[in-house]
Amino acid sequence: AGSDGQSIGNCPFSQRLFMVLWLKGVTFNVTTVDMRRKFENKFLEDLAPGTQPPFLLYENEVKTDTNKIEEFLEENLCPPKYPRLAARNPESNTAGSNIFSKFSAFIKNPNPAQNDMLEKGLVKSLMSLDMYLKTPLPEEVDENSVEEQTVSTRRFLDGNELTLADCNLLPKLHIVQ
């Protein structure tokens, strides 16, 4: 839950799953949890012992791992009724994958002597993502064209449509912002 204990919070893992469900066009219920309230924590302990939200409750089965939930949604909410969200280019799944850990290390650093090094690591990761986004994907390159395309025109990591790769990265970038 958000800071008021009721509104949707800023958890990148929950936001990731919201995006997946929204892109698939699924109607779903969100139950916010104020982790400071003992009653709700007892309910969670009984429902999913030892775990933190987010988790998915589907047909009385609880799924607690964000990656497993995403895989479950992609496998079970599939074409023709629901769109496929997997990235076509495997590199899109790992683009920017270290940004959040670099950001976390930088903002949680207790040693001021390491600030410059950690900031440079974060900036390097952001620049690497920027380079990936600027580099044309294979499907953007026309081998029969006389002109060489040097800059990508795509809107997202894997093309002009949001994919699972974007659902993973965008909530984390929102926090970094």
C-alpha atoms as a PDB file:
ATOM      1  CA  ALA A   1       0.000   0.000   0.000  1.00  0.00           C
ATOM      2  CA  GLY A   2       0.986   3.618  -0.415  1.00  0.00           C
ATOM      3  CA  SER A   3       2.009   5.935   2.389  1.00  0.00           C
ATOM      4  CA  ASP A   4      -1.643   6.374   3.420  1.00  0.00           C
ATOM      5  CA  GLY A   5      -1.975   2.609   3.962  1.00  0.00           C
ATOM      6  CA  GLN A   6      -4.670   2.173   1.308  1.00  0.00           C
ATOM      7  CA  SER A   7      -3.708   3.553  -2.103  1.00  0.00           C
ATOM      8  CA  ILE A   8      -1.534   1.604  -4.532  1.00  0.00           C
ATOM      9  CA  GLY A   9       2.107   1.900  -3.517  1.00  0.00           C
ATOM     10  CA  ASN A  10       5.335   2.249  -5.424  1.00  0.00           C
ATOM     11  CA  CYS A  11       6.501  -1.380  -5.456  1.00  0.00           C
ATOM     12  CA  PRO A  12       8.195  -2.014  -8.834  1.00  0.00           C
ATOM     13  CA  PHE A  13       7.329  -5.710  -8.674  1.00  0.00           C
ATOM     14  CA  SER A  14       3.619  -5.030  -8.177  1.00  0.00           C
ATOM     15  CA  GLN A  15       3.686  -2.321 -10.844  1.00  0.00           C
ATOM     16  CA  ARG A  16       5.303  -4.822 -13.227  1.00  0.00           C
ATOM     17  CA  LEU A  17       2.433  -7.274 -12.764  1.00  0.00           C
ATOM     18  CA  PHE A  18      -0.170  -4.496 -13.067  1.00  0.00           C
ATOM     19  CA  MET A  19       1.349  -3.589 -16.433  1.00  0.00           C
ATOM     20  CA  VAL A  20       1.287  -7.194 -17.664  1.00  0.00           C
ATOM     21  CA  LEU A  21      -2.372  -7.630 -16.710  1.00  0.00           C
ATOM     22  CA  TRP A  22      -3.328  -4.243 -18.153  1.00  0.00           C
ATOM     23  CA  LEU A  23      -1.544  -4.948 -21.469  1.00  0.00           C
ATOM     24  CA  LYS A  24      -3.280  -8.297 -21.711  1.00  0.00           C
ATOM     25  CA  GLY A  25      -6.638  -6.583 -21.175  1.00  0.00           C
ATOM     26  CA  VAL A  26      -7.510  -8.623 -18.116  1.00  0.00           C
ATOM     27  CA  THR A  27      -9.940  -7.430 -15.469  1.00  0.00           C
ATOM     28  CA  PHE A  28      -8.297  -7.982 -12.100  1.00  0.00           C
ATOM     29  CA  ASN A  29      -8.682  -7.035  -8.454  1.00  0.00           C
ATOM     30  CA  VAL A  30      -5.950  -5.293  -6.518  1.00  0.00           C
ATOM     31  CA  THR A  31      -5.856  -5.665  -2.764  1.00  0.00           C
ATOM     32  CA  THR A  32      -3.473  -3.200  -1.165  1.00  0.00           C
ATOM     33  CA  VAL A  33      -1.682  -4.274   1.981  1.00  0.00           C
ATOM     34  CA  ASP A  34      -0.402  -1.979   4.702  1.00  0.00           C
ATOM     35  CA  MET A  35       2.546  -4.010   5.966  1.00  0.00           C
ATOM     36  CA  ARG A  36       2.467  -2.046   9.233  1.00  0.00           C
ATOM     37  CA  ARG A  37      -0.933  -3.449  10.239  1.00  0.00           C
ATOM     38  CA  LYS A  38      -0.808  -6.686  12.240  1.00  0.00           C
ATOM     39  CA  PHE A  39      -4.244  -7.917  11.118  1.00  0.00           C
ATOM     40  CA  GLU A  40      -3.259  -7.758   7.451  1.00  0.00           C
ATOM     41  CA  ASN A  41       0.115  -9.291   8.177  1.00  0.00           C
ATOM     42  CA  LYS A  42      -1.572 -12.245   9.945  1.00  0.00           C
ATOM     43  CA  PHE A  43      -3.818 -12.716   6.912  1.00  0.00           C
ATOM     44  CA  LEU A  44      -0.741 -12.694   4.654  1.00  0.00           C
ATOM     45  CA  GLU A  45       1.131 -15.087   6.910  1.00  0.00           C
ATOM     46  CA  ASP A  46      -1.743 -17.550   6.621  1.00  0.00           C
ATOM     47  CA  LEU A  47      -2.164 -17.059   2.867  1.00  0.00           C
ATOM     48  CA  ALA A  48       1.506 -16.967   1.836  1.00  0.00           C
ATOM     49  CA  PRO A  49       3.797 -17.844   4.753  1.00  0.00           C
ATOM     50  CA  GLY A  50       7.196 -16.158   4.673  1.00  0.00           C
ATOM     51  CA  THR A  51       6.546 -14.020   1.599  1.00  0.00           C
ATOM     52  CA  GLN A  52       6.120 -10.358   0.799  1.00  0.00           C
ATOM     53  CA  PRO A  53       3.625  -9.031  -1.741  1.00  0.00           C
ATOM     54  CA  PRO A  54       3.041  -9.131  -4.616  1.00  0.00           C
ATOM     55  CA  PHE A  55       1.520 -12.517  -5.048  1.00  0.00           C
ATOM     56  CA  LEU A  56      -1.204 -13.990  -7.196  1.00  0.00           C
ATOM     57  CA  LEU A  57      -4.130 -15.988  -5.908  1.00  0.00           C
ATOM     58  CA  TYR A  58      -5.656 -18.026  -8.733  1.00  0.00           C
ATOM     59  CA  GLU A  59      -8.133 -20.877  -8.196  1.00  0.00           C
ATOM     60  CA  ASN A  60      -7.038 -21.228  -4.539  1.00  0.00           C
ATOM     61  CA  GLU A  61      -3.367 -21.508  -5.535  1.00  0.00           C
ATOM     62  CA  VAL A  62      -0.947 -18.819  -4.369  1.00  0.00           C
ATOM     63  CA  LYS A  63       1.980 -17.793  -6.557  1.00  0.00           C
ATOM     64  CA  THR A  64       4.582 -15.677  -4.783  1.00  0.00           C
ATOM     65  CA  ASP A  65       7.566 -15.218  -7.102  1.00  0.00           C
ATOM     66  CA  THR A  66       7.199 -12.251  -9.486  1.00  0.00           C
ATOM     67  CA  ASN A  67       9.024 -14.022 -12.335  1.00  0.00           C
ATOM     68  CA  LYS A  68       6.897 -17.159 -11.879  1.00  0.00           C
ATOM     69  CA  ILE A  69       3.727 -15.060 -11.788  1.00  0.00           C
ATOM     70  CA  GLU A  70       4.742 -13.348 -15.021  1.00  0.00           C
ATOM     71  CA  GLU A  71       5.489 -16.725 -16.658  1.00  0.00           C
ATOM     72  CA  PHE A  72       2.132 -18.066 -15.459  1.00  0.00           C
ATOM     73  CA  LEU A  73       0.286 -15.064 -16.896  1.00  0.00           C
ATOM     74  CA  GLU A  74       2.103 -15.299 -20.240  1.00  0.00           C
ATOM     75  CA  GLU A  75       1.418 -19.056 -20.508  1.00  0.00           C
ATOM     76  CA  ASN A  76      -2.221 -18.941 -19.412  1.00  0.00           C
ATOM     77  CA  LEU A  77      -3.349 -15.630 -20.875  1.00  0.00           C
ATOM     78  CA  CYS A  78      -2.202 -16.366 -24.395  1.00  0.00           C
ATOM     79  CA  PRO A  79      -3.305 -15.848 -27.999  1.00  0.00           C
ATOM     80  CA  PRO A  80      -5.737 -15.759 -29.596  1.00  0.00           C
ATOM     81  CA  LYS A  81      -7.718 -14.218 -26.715  1.00  0.00           C
ATOM     82  CA  TYR A  82      -4.798 -12.331 -25.124  1.00  0.00           C
ATOM     83  CA  PRO A  83      -1.734 -10.764 -26.723  1.00  0.00           C
ATOM     84  CA  ARG A  84       1.693 -12.342 -26.494  1.00  0.00           C
ATOM     85  CA  LEU A  85       3.983  -9.986 -24.555  1.00  0.00           C
ATOM     86  CA  ALA A  86       7.315 -11.803 -24.732  1.00  0.00           C
ATOM     87  CA  ALA A  87      10.116  -9.842 -26.380  1.00  0.00           C
ATOM     88  CA  ARG A  88      11.254 -11.060 -29.808  1.00  0.00           C
ATOM     89  CA  ASN A  89      14.887 -10.081 -29.185  1.00  0.00           C
ATOM     90  CA  PRO A  90      16.474 -11.776 -26.139  1.00  0.00           C
ATOM     91  CA  GLU A  91      18.747  -8.763 -25.587  1.00  0.00           C
ATOM     92  CA  SER A  92      15.678  -6.649 -24.816  1.00  0.00           C
ATOM     93  CA  ASN A  93      15.046  -8.742 -21.690  1.00  0.00           C
ATOM     94  CA  THR A  94      18.405  -7.836 -20.174  1.00  0.00           C
ATOM     95  CA  ALA A  95      18.737  -4.223 -21.355  1.00  0.00           C
ATOM     96  CA  GLY A  96      18.966  -2.045 -18.259  1.00  0.00           C
ATOM     97  CA  SER A  97      18.739  -5.045 -15.955  1.00  0.00           C
ATOM     98  CA  ASN A  98      21.438  -3.763 -13.594  1.00  0.00           C
ATOM     99  CA  ILE A  99      20.190  -0.167 -13.284  1.00  0.00           C
ATOM    100  CA  PHE A 100      18.002  -0.744 -10.232  1.00  0.00           C
ATOM    101  CA  SER A 101      20.719  -2.575  -8.296  1.00  0.00           C
ATOM    102  CA  LYS A 102      23.239   0.168  -9.160  1.00  0.00           C
ATOM    103  CA  PHE A 103      20.726   2.821  -8.071  1.00  0.00           C
ATOM    104  CA  SER A 104      19.986   1.000  -4.816  1.00  0.00           C
ATOM    105  CA  ALA A 105      23.686   0.630  -4.046  1.00  0.00           C
ATOM    106  CA  PHE A 106      24.195   4.342  -4.697  1.00  0.00           C
ATOM    107  CA  ILE A 107      21.317   5.674  -2.565  1.00  0.00           C
ATOM    108  CA  LYS A 108      21.847   3.200   0.289  1.00  0.00           C
ATOM    109  CA  ASN A 109      25.611   3.660   0.435  1.00  0.00           C
ATOM    110  CA  PRO A 110      26.782   4.347   4.002  1.00  0.00           C
ATOM    111  CA  ASN A 111      30.329   5.209   2.902  1.00  0.00           C
ATOM    112  CA  PRO A 112      30.643   8.711   1.349  1.00  0.00           C
ATOM    113  CA  ALA A 113      34.059   7.790  -0.049  1.00  0.00           C
ATOM    114  CA  GLN A 114      32.311   5.386  -2.459  1.00  0.00           C
ATOM    115  CA  ASN A 115      29.699   7.875  -3.730  1.00  0.00           C
ATOM    116  CA  ASP A 116      31.616   8.890  -6.872  1.00  0.00           C
ATOM    117  CA  MET A 117      32.369   5.293  -7.843  1.00  0.00           C
ATOM    118  CA  LEU A 118      28.769   4.180  -7.268  1.00  0.00           C
ATOM    119  CA  GLU A 119      27.363   7.183  -9.137  1.00  0.00           C
ATOM    120  CA  LYS A 120      29.667   6.454 -12.091  1.00  0.00           C
ATOM    121  CA  GLY A 121      28.445   2.835 -12.082  1.00  0.00           C
ATOM    122  CA  LEU A 122      24.827   3.993 -12.198  1.00  0.00           C
ATOM    123  CA  VAL A 123      25.518   6.519 -14.967  1.00  0.00           C
ATOM    124  CA  LYS A 124      27.398   3.852 -16.954  1.00  0.00           C
ATOM    125  CA  SER A 125      24.383   1.519 -16.684  1.00  0.00           C
ATOM    126  CA  LEU A 126      22.022   4.285 -17.815  1.00  0.00           C
ATOM    127  CA  MET A 127      24.298   5.112 -20.747  1.00  0.00           C
ATOM    128  CA  SER A 128      24.403   1.440 -21.719  1.00  0.00           C
ATOM    129  CA  LEU A 129      20.596   1.359 -21.777  1.00  0.00           C
ATOM    130  CA  ASP A 130      20.552   4.558 -23.822  1.00  0.00           C
ATOM    131  CA  MET A 131      22.948   2.993 -26.334  1.00  0.00           C
ATOM    132  CA  TYR A 132      20.763  -0.112 -26.578  1.00  0.00           C
ATOM    133  CA  LEU A 133      17.689   2.005 -27.242  1.00  0.00           C
ATOM    134  CA  LYS A 134      19.501   3.978 -29.944  1.00  0.00           C
ATOM    135  CA  THR A 135      20.874   0.885 -31.708  1.00  0.00           C
ATOM    136  CA  PRO A 136      18.517  -0.444 -34.396  1.00  0.00           C
ATOM    137  CA  LEU A 137      16.994  -3.854 -33.770  1.00  0.00           C
ATOM    138  CA  PRO A 138      17.528  -6.466 -36.516  1.00  0.00           C
ATOM    139  CA  GLU A 139      13.986  -5.934 -37.832  1.00  0.00           C
ATOM    140  CA  GLU A 140      14.646  -2.202 -38.204  1.00  0.00           C
ATOM    141  CA  VAL A 141      17.545  -2.790 -40.584  1.00  0.00           C
ATOM    142  CA  ASP A 142      16.660  -3.058 -44.280  1.00  0.00           C
ATOM    143  CA  GLU A 143      19.443  -5.060 -45.911  1.00  0.00           C
ATOM    144  CA  ASN A 144      18.265  -3.956 -49.374  1.00  0.00           C
ATOM    145  CA  SER A 145      18.405  -0.264 -48.539  1.00  0.00           C
ATOM    146  CA  VAL A 146      21.236   1.901 -49.815  1.00  0.00           C
ATOM    147  CA  GLU A 147      21.011   4.060 -46.705  1.00  0.00           C
ATOM    148  CA  GLU A 148      22.337   2.703 -43.432  1.00  0.00           C
ATOM    149  CA  GLN A 149      20.042   3.176 -40.464  1.00  0.00           C
ATOM    150  CA  THR A 150      22.250   4.251 -37.594  1.00  0.00           C
ATOM    151  CA  VAL A 151      19.636   5.187 -34.987  1.00  0.00           C
ATOM    152  CA  SER A 152      16.627   3.169 -33.891  1.00  0.00           C
ATOM    153  CA  THR A 153      13.187   4.674 -34.296  1.00  0.00           C
ATOM    154  CA  ARG A 154      11.450   2.270 -31.910  1.00  0.00           C
ATOM    155  CA  ARG A 155       9.446   3.531 -28.926  1.00  0.00           C
ATOM    156  CA  PHE A 156      10.191   0.722 -26.453  1.00  0.00           C
ATOM    157  CA  LEU A 157      12.876  -1.859 -25.638  1.00  0.00           C
ATOM    158  CA  ASP A 158      11.786  -4.422 -28.221  1.00  0.00           C
ATOM    159  CA  GLY A 159       9.942  -2.346 -30.807  1.00  0.00           C
ATOM    160  CA  ASN A 160       6.903  -0.117 -30.919  1.00  0.00           C
ATOM    161  CA  GLU A 161       4.763  -2.198 -28.573  1.00  0.00           C
ATOM    162  CA  LEU A 162       5.282  -2.717 -24.858  1.00  0.00           C
ATOM    163  CA  THR A 163       6.589  -6.170 -23.917  1.00  0.00           C
ATOM    164  CA  LEU A 164       7.399  -8.078 -20.741  1.00  0.00           C
ATOM    165  CA  ALA A 165      10.870  -6.505 -20.898  1.00  0.00           C
ATOM    166  CA  ASP A 166       9.307  -3.034 -20.591  1.00  0.00           C
ATOM    167  CA  CYS A 167       6.998  -4.201 -17.793  1.00  0.00           C
ATOM    168  CA  ASN A 168      10.080  -5.269 -15.867  1.00  0.00           C
ATOM    169  CA  LEU A 169      12.210  -2.167 -16.487  1.00  0.00           C
ATOM    170  CA  LEU A 170       9.789   0.785 -16.548  1.00  0.00           C
ATOM    171  CA  PRO A 171       8.601   0.617 -12.904  1.00  0.00           C
ATOM    172  CA  LYS A 172      12.233   0.509 -11.780  1.00  0.00           C
ATOM    173  CA  LEU A 173      13.156   3.461 -13.982  1.00  0.00           C
ATOM    174  CA  HIS A 174      10.206   5.350 -12.507  1.00  0.00           C
ATOM    175  CA  ILE A 175      11.726   4.936  -9.047  1.00  0.00           C
ATOM    176  CA  VAL A 176      15.188   5.953 -10.283  1.00  0.00           C
ATOM    177  CA  GLN A 177      13.646   9.055 -11.802  1.00  0.00           C
END
